[in-house]
N, C-alpha and C. Protein backbone atom coordinates (compact mmCIF):
# COMPACT_ATOMS: atom_id res chain seq x y z
N MET A 1 -3.84 3.15 9.74
CA MET A 1 -4.59 2.02 9.31
C MET A 1 -4.10 1.58 7.93
N ALA A 2 -4.35 0.32 7.59
CA ALA A 2 -3.93 -0.20 6.29
C ALA A 2 -5.08 -1.06 5.74
N PHE A 3 -5.24 -1.02 4.43
CA PHE A 3 -6.30 -1.79 3.81
C PHE A 3 -5.92 -2.04 2.35
N LEU A 4 -6.51 -3.11 1.79
CA LEU A 4 -6.26 -3.41 0.39
C LEU A 4 -6.84 -2.31 -0.50
N ASP A 5 -6.10 -1.99 -1.57
CA ASP A 5 -6.63 -1.08 -2.58
C ASP A 5 -7.69 -1.82 -3.35
N SER A 6 -8.83 -1.20 -3.60
CA SER A 6 -9.91 -1.88 -4.29
C SER A 6 -9.64 -2.05 -5.79
N ARG A 7 -8.68 -1.31 -6.31
CA ARG A 7 -8.22 -1.43 -7.69
C ARG A 7 -6.71 -1.57 -7.68
N PRO A 8 -6.21 -2.74 -7.32
CA PRO A 8 -4.77 -2.90 -7.10
C PRO A 8 -3.94 -2.90 -8.37
N VAL A 9 -2.73 -2.35 -8.27
CA VAL A 9 -1.79 -2.49 -9.35
C VAL A 9 -1.43 -3.96 -9.51
N PHE A 10 -1.13 -4.60 -8.38
CA PHE A 10 -0.96 -6.06 -8.28
C PHE A 10 -1.70 -6.51 -7.01
N LYS A 11 -2.21 -7.71 -7.03
CA LYS A 11 -2.94 -8.22 -5.88
C LYS A 11 -2.08 -8.19 -4.64
N GLY A 12 -2.65 -7.67 -3.55
CA GLY A 12 -1.92 -7.48 -2.31
C GLY A 12 -1.51 -6.02 -2.13
N HIS A 13 -1.77 -5.15 -3.11
CA HIS A 13 -1.50 -3.70 -3.04
C HIS A 13 -2.30 -3.12 -1.85
N VAL A 14 -1.56 -2.48 -0.95
CA VAL A 14 -2.14 -1.94 0.27
C VAL A 14 -1.97 -0.44 0.34
N LEU A 15 -2.97 0.23 0.93
CA LEU A 15 -2.88 1.66 1.25
C LEU A 15 -2.68 1.80 2.73
N VAL A 16 -1.73 2.61 3.13
CA VAL A 16 -1.45 2.90 4.55
C VAL A 16 -1.78 4.38 4.77
N ALA A 17 -2.72 4.64 5.68
CA ALA A 17 -3.20 6.02 5.92
C ALA A 17 -3.26 6.28 7.42
N PRO A 18 -2.97 7.52 7.82
CA PRO A 18 -3.14 7.86 9.21
C PRO A 18 -4.65 7.97 9.52
N ARG A 19 -5.04 7.61 10.73
CA ARG A 19 -6.46 7.71 11.12
C ARG A 19 -6.93 9.15 11.13
N ASP A 20 -6.13 10.04 11.68
CA ASP A 20 -6.49 11.46 11.71
C ASP A 20 -6.39 12.04 10.31
N HIS A 21 -7.33 12.90 9.95
CA HIS A 21 -7.31 13.48 8.61
C HIS A 21 -6.09 14.38 8.41
N VAL A 22 -5.34 14.04 7.40
CA VAL A 22 -4.21 14.84 6.96
C VAL A 22 -4.26 14.76 5.45
N ARG A 23 -4.21 15.87 4.79
CA ARG A 23 -4.36 15.88 3.32
C ARG A 23 -3.09 15.42 2.59
N THR A 24 -1.92 15.94 3.00
CA THR A 24 -0.68 15.61 2.31
C THR A 24 0.43 15.27 3.32
N LEU A 25 1.53 14.75 2.81
CA LEU A 25 2.64 14.43 3.68
C LEU A 25 3.16 15.67 4.42
N ALA A 26 3.14 16.80 3.76
CA ALA A 26 3.59 18.05 4.38
C ALA A 26 2.71 18.44 5.56
N ASP A 27 1.47 17.99 5.56
CA ASP A 27 0.52 18.32 6.65
C ASP A 27 0.64 17.37 7.84
N LEU A 28 1.35 16.28 7.68
CA LEU A 28 1.49 15.31 8.78
C LEU A 28 2.34 15.93 9.89
N PRO A 29 1.83 15.94 11.14
CA PRO A 29 2.61 16.51 12.23
C PRO A 29 3.95 15.77 12.38
N VAL A 30 4.98 16.52 12.70
CA VAL A 30 6.32 15.95 12.83
C VAL A 30 6.34 14.73 13.76
N ALA A 31 5.61 14.82 14.86
CA ALA A 31 5.62 13.71 15.87
C ALA A 31 4.94 12.45 15.29
N ALA A 32 4.14 12.60 14.24
CA ALA A 32 3.47 11.43 13.64
C ALA A 32 4.26 10.79 12.50
N VAL A 33 5.27 11.49 11.97
CA VAL A 33 5.99 10.99 10.82
C VAL A 33 6.66 9.63 11.13
N GLY A 34 7.40 9.55 12.20
CA GLY A 34 8.09 8.30 12.55
C GLY A 34 7.14 7.15 12.75
N PRO A 35 6.12 7.25 13.60
CA PRO A 35 5.19 6.14 13.79
C PRO A 35 4.46 5.75 12.52
N TYR A 36 4.10 6.71 11.67
CA TYR A 36 3.44 6.42 10.42
C TYR A 36 4.36 5.62 9.48
N PHE A 37 5.59 6.11 9.30
CA PHE A 37 6.49 5.41 8.42
C PHE A 37 6.96 4.08 8.95
N LEU A 38 6.95 3.89 10.25
CA LEU A 38 7.25 2.56 10.77
C LEU A 38 6.21 1.55 10.31
N ARG A 39 4.94 1.95 10.22
CA ARG A 39 3.90 1.07 9.71
C ARG A 39 4.09 0.76 8.23
N VAL A 40 4.44 1.79 7.46
CA VAL A 40 4.71 1.62 6.04
C VAL A 40 5.90 0.66 5.88
N GLN A 41 6.95 0.90 6.63
CA GLN A 41 8.15 0.05 6.59
C GLN A 41 7.83 -1.38 6.97
N ARG A 42 7.08 -1.58 8.01
CA ARG A 42 6.76 -2.92 8.50
C ARG A 42 5.98 -3.70 7.44
N LEU A 43 4.95 -3.07 6.88
CA LEU A 43 4.16 -3.73 5.85
C LEU A 43 5.03 -4.09 4.65
N SER A 44 5.86 -3.15 4.22
CA SER A 44 6.73 -3.40 3.10
C SER A 44 7.69 -4.56 3.40
N GLY A 45 8.12 -4.66 4.66
CA GLY A 45 9.03 -5.71 5.03
C GLY A 45 8.45 -7.11 5.07
N VAL A 46 7.16 -7.23 5.41
CA VAL A 46 6.55 -8.55 5.50
C VAL A 46 5.93 -9.01 4.16
N MET A 47 5.71 -8.10 3.26
CA MET A 47 5.00 -8.41 2.01
C MET A 47 5.69 -9.53 1.22
N PRO A 48 7.00 -9.53 1.01
CA PRO A 48 7.62 -10.62 0.25
C PRO A 48 7.32 -12.02 0.80
N ALA A 49 7.47 -12.17 2.13
CA ALA A 49 7.21 -13.51 2.71
C ALA A 49 5.71 -13.83 2.65
N ALA A 50 4.88 -12.84 2.88
CA ALA A 50 3.43 -13.11 2.91
C ALA A 50 2.85 -13.41 1.54
N LEU A 51 3.38 -12.74 0.51
CA LEU A 51 2.75 -12.84 -0.82
C LEU A 51 3.64 -13.52 -1.86
N GLY A 52 4.90 -13.82 -1.53
CA GLY A 52 5.79 -14.45 -2.47
C GLY A 52 6.33 -13.52 -3.53
N CYS A 53 6.27 -12.21 -3.26
CA CYS A 53 6.85 -11.24 -4.20
C CYS A 53 8.33 -11.09 -3.86
N GLN A 54 9.07 -10.39 -4.73
CA GLN A 54 10.50 -10.21 -4.48
C GLN A 54 10.83 -8.89 -3.74
N GLY A 55 9.92 -7.97 -3.81
CA GLY A 55 10.14 -6.67 -3.17
C GLY A 55 8.85 -5.85 -3.23
N THR A 56 8.97 -4.56 -2.98
CA THR A 56 7.81 -3.68 -2.99
C THR A 56 8.13 -2.35 -3.63
N PHE A 57 7.08 -1.68 -4.01
CA PHE A 57 7.15 -0.30 -4.52
C PHE A 57 6.30 0.52 -3.55
N VAL A 58 6.90 1.57 -2.99
CA VAL A 58 6.23 2.42 -1.99
C VAL A 58 6.14 3.82 -2.58
N ALA A 59 4.95 4.40 -2.60
CA ALA A 59 4.77 5.73 -3.21
C ALA A 59 3.54 6.43 -2.69
N ALA A 60 3.55 7.75 -2.84
CA ALA A 60 2.40 8.58 -2.48
C ALA A 60 2.31 9.73 -3.45
N ASN A 61 1.11 10.20 -3.65
CA ASN A 61 0.85 11.42 -4.42
C ASN A 61 0.50 12.49 -3.41
N ASN A 62 0.87 13.71 -3.71
CA ASN A 62 0.49 14.89 -2.91
C ASN A 62 -0.20 15.86 -3.82
N VAL A 63 -1.50 15.98 -3.69
CA VAL A 63 -2.38 16.84 -4.46
C VAL A 63 -2.56 16.37 -5.87
N VAL A 64 -1.53 16.46 -6.74
CA VAL A 64 -1.64 16.03 -8.12
C VAL A 64 -1.74 14.51 -8.16
N SER A 65 -2.73 13.98 -8.83
CA SER A 65 -3.03 12.55 -8.94
C SER A 65 -3.43 11.93 -7.61
N GLN A 66 -3.76 12.73 -6.62
CA GLN A 66 -4.22 12.22 -5.34
C GLN A 66 -5.73 12.12 -5.42
N SER A 67 -6.24 10.94 -5.76
CA SER A 67 -7.66 10.79 -6.03
C SER A 67 -8.52 10.94 -4.75
N VAL A 68 -7.93 10.68 -3.61
CA VAL A 68 -8.59 10.88 -2.31
C VAL A 68 -7.77 11.90 -1.57
N PRO A 69 -8.38 13.03 -1.13
CA PRO A 69 -7.61 14.07 -0.44
C PRO A 69 -7.31 13.72 1.02
N HIS A 70 -6.63 12.60 1.21
CA HIS A 70 -6.21 12.14 2.54
C HIS A 70 -4.87 11.43 2.32
N LEU A 71 -3.88 11.75 3.11
CA LEU A 71 -2.57 11.13 2.96
C LEU A 71 -2.67 9.61 2.99
N HIS A 72 -2.04 8.98 2.02
CA HIS A 72 -1.97 7.51 2.01
C HIS A 72 -0.78 7.13 1.16
N PHE A 73 -0.07 6.08 1.59
CA PHE A 73 1.02 5.54 0.86
C PHE A 73 0.58 4.20 0.26
N HIS A 74 1.02 3.97 -0.96
CA HIS A 74 0.77 2.71 -1.66
C HIS A 74 1.97 1.80 -1.35
N VAL A 75 1.68 0.56 -0.92
CA VAL A 75 2.70 -0.44 -0.79
C VAL A 75 2.32 -1.56 -1.72
N VAL A 76 3.07 -1.69 -2.81
CA VAL A 76 2.72 -2.55 -3.93
C VAL A 76 3.70 -3.71 -4.03
N PRO A 77 3.22 -4.96 -4.04
CA PRO A 77 4.13 -6.08 -4.21
C PRO A 77 4.73 -6.07 -5.60
N ARG A 78 6.04 -6.36 -5.70
CA ARG A 78 6.72 -6.35 -6.97
C ARG A 78 7.52 -7.63 -7.18
N THR A 79 7.57 -8.06 -8.44
CA THR A 79 8.40 -9.19 -8.85
C THR A 79 9.07 -8.81 -10.15
N LYS A 80 10.33 -9.16 -10.27
CA LYS A 80 11.07 -8.84 -11.52
C LYS A 80 10.28 -9.37 -12.72
N GLY A 81 10.12 -8.51 -13.71
CA GLY A 81 9.39 -8.88 -14.92
C GLY A 81 7.87 -8.75 -14.80
N ASP A 82 7.42 -8.04 -13.73
CA ASP A 82 5.96 -7.93 -13.54
C ASP A 82 5.28 -6.95 -14.50
N GLY A 83 6.09 -6.22 -15.27
CA GLY A 83 5.55 -5.33 -16.30
C GLY A 83 5.30 -3.93 -15.87
N LEU A 84 5.49 -3.59 -14.60
CA LEU A 84 5.27 -2.22 -14.16
C LEU A 84 6.44 -1.35 -14.66
N ARG A 85 6.09 -0.30 -15.36
CA ARG A 85 7.12 0.56 -15.97
C ARG A 85 6.91 2.00 -15.44
N GLY A 86 7.93 2.55 -14.81
CA GLY A 86 7.87 3.93 -14.34
C GLY A 86 6.65 4.15 -13.46
N PHE A 87 5.92 5.22 -13.77
CA PHE A 87 4.78 5.57 -12.97
C PHE A 87 3.47 5.27 -13.67
N PHE A 88 3.46 4.43 -14.68
CA PHE A 88 2.22 3.98 -15.31
C PHE A 88 1.72 2.82 -14.48
N TRP A 89 0.59 3.01 -13.83
CA TRP A 89 0.02 2.00 -12.96
C TRP A 89 -1.23 1.41 -13.56
N PRO A 90 -1.16 0.33 -14.30
CA PRO A 90 -2.39 -0.30 -14.79
C PRO A 90 -3.11 -0.93 -13.58
N ARG A 91 -4.38 -0.59 -13.45
CA ARG A 91 -5.11 -1.06 -12.27
C ARG A 91 -5.94 -2.30 -12.61
N GLY A 92 -6.12 -3.16 -11.66
CA GLY A 92 -6.85 -4.40 -11.85
C GLY A 92 -7.95 -4.49 -10.80
N ARG A 93 -8.49 -5.68 -10.67
CA ARG A 93 -9.53 -5.96 -9.69
C ARG A 93 -9.31 -7.35 -9.10
N TYR A 94 -9.81 -7.56 -7.90
CA TYR A 94 -9.85 -8.90 -7.33
C TYR A 94 -11.03 -9.63 -7.96
N GLU A 95 -10.89 -10.95 -8.12
CA GLU A 95 -11.96 -11.72 -8.72
C GLU A 95 -13.21 -11.74 -7.83
N SER A 96 -13.01 -11.59 -6.53
CA SER A 96 -14.17 -11.60 -5.61
C SER A 96 -13.72 -11.00 -4.27
N ASP A 97 -14.69 -10.72 -3.41
CA ASP A 97 -14.36 -10.25 -2.05
C ASP A 97 -13.60 -11.32 -1.29
N ALA A 98 -13.89 -12.59 -1.58
CA ALA A 98 -13.19 -13.68 -0.93
C ALA A 98 -11.72 -13.71 -1.31
N GLU A 99 -11.41 -13.46 -2.57
CA GLU A 99 -10.02 -13.41 -2.98
C GLU A 99 -9.30 -12.25 -2.30
N ALA A 100 -9.92 -11.09 -2.22
CA ALA A 100 -9.33 -9.95 -1.56
C ALA A 100 -9.09 -10.29 -0.10
N ALA A 101 -10.04 -10.95 0.55
CA ALA A 101 -9.89 -11.32 1.95
C ALA A 101 -8.73 -12.28 2.15
N GLN A 102 -8.47 -13.15 1.18
CA GLN A 102 -7.32 -14.07 1.29
C GLN A 102 -6.02 -13.29 1.32
N TYR A 103 -5.88 -12.26 0.47
CA TYR A 103 -4.68 -11.44 0.46
C TYR A 103 -4.54 -10.67 1.76
N ALA A 104 -5.65 -10.11 2.23
CA ALA A 104 -5.60 -9.39 3.50
C ALA A 104 -5.22 -10.30 4.62
N ASP A 105 -5.78 -11.51 4.69
CA ASP A 105 -5.48 -12.47 5.76
C ASP A 105 -4.00 -12.84 5.76
N ARG A 106 -3.43 -13.05 4.58
CA ARG A 106 -2.01 -13.41 4.47
C ARG A 106 -1.13 -12.29 5.02
N LEU A 107 -1.45 -11.03 4.69
CA LEU A 107 -0.67 -9.91 5.17
C LEU A 107 -0.85 -9.74 6.68
N CYS A 108 -2.08 -9.85 7.18
CA CYS A 108 -2.31 -9.73 8.63
C CYS A 108 -1.56 -10.80 9.39
N ALA A 109 -1.55 -12.03 8.88
CA ALA A 109 -0.84 -13.09 9.56
C ALA A 109 0.64 -12.83 9.62
N ALA A 110 1.19 -12.28 8.56
CA ALA A 110 2.63 -11.93 8.52
C ALA A 110 2.94 -10.80 9.49
N LEU A 111 2.03 -9.86 9.65
CA LEU A 111 2.24 -8.74 10.58
C LEU A 111 2.14 -9.20 12.02
N ASN A 112 1.37 -10.20 12.26
CA ASN A 112 1.19 -10.69 13.67
C ASN A 112 2.29 -11.64 14.00
């Protein structure tokens, strides 16, 4: 499953998580690795066209800095000069639920 991060690094920041509970990447069954990463890859691939960004940043934490003990990858829209440096992730908020829904709708349309 995939959903917008409630405190995005940049608007359109999505979390991709397996439905079955898995704490870390090392715990993901081998047979699930390919299908899971295909979803991460697909979302990363459509994000530039859907959101007008130039690329994406894809990352996951395992245990350390993992605020939710369930495997999830961050797919973050990136644009040159966006100010993101290294692994310092300043978090923001959507102005409203309606604005968040607009970002989700754009990504869903691109995936379909």
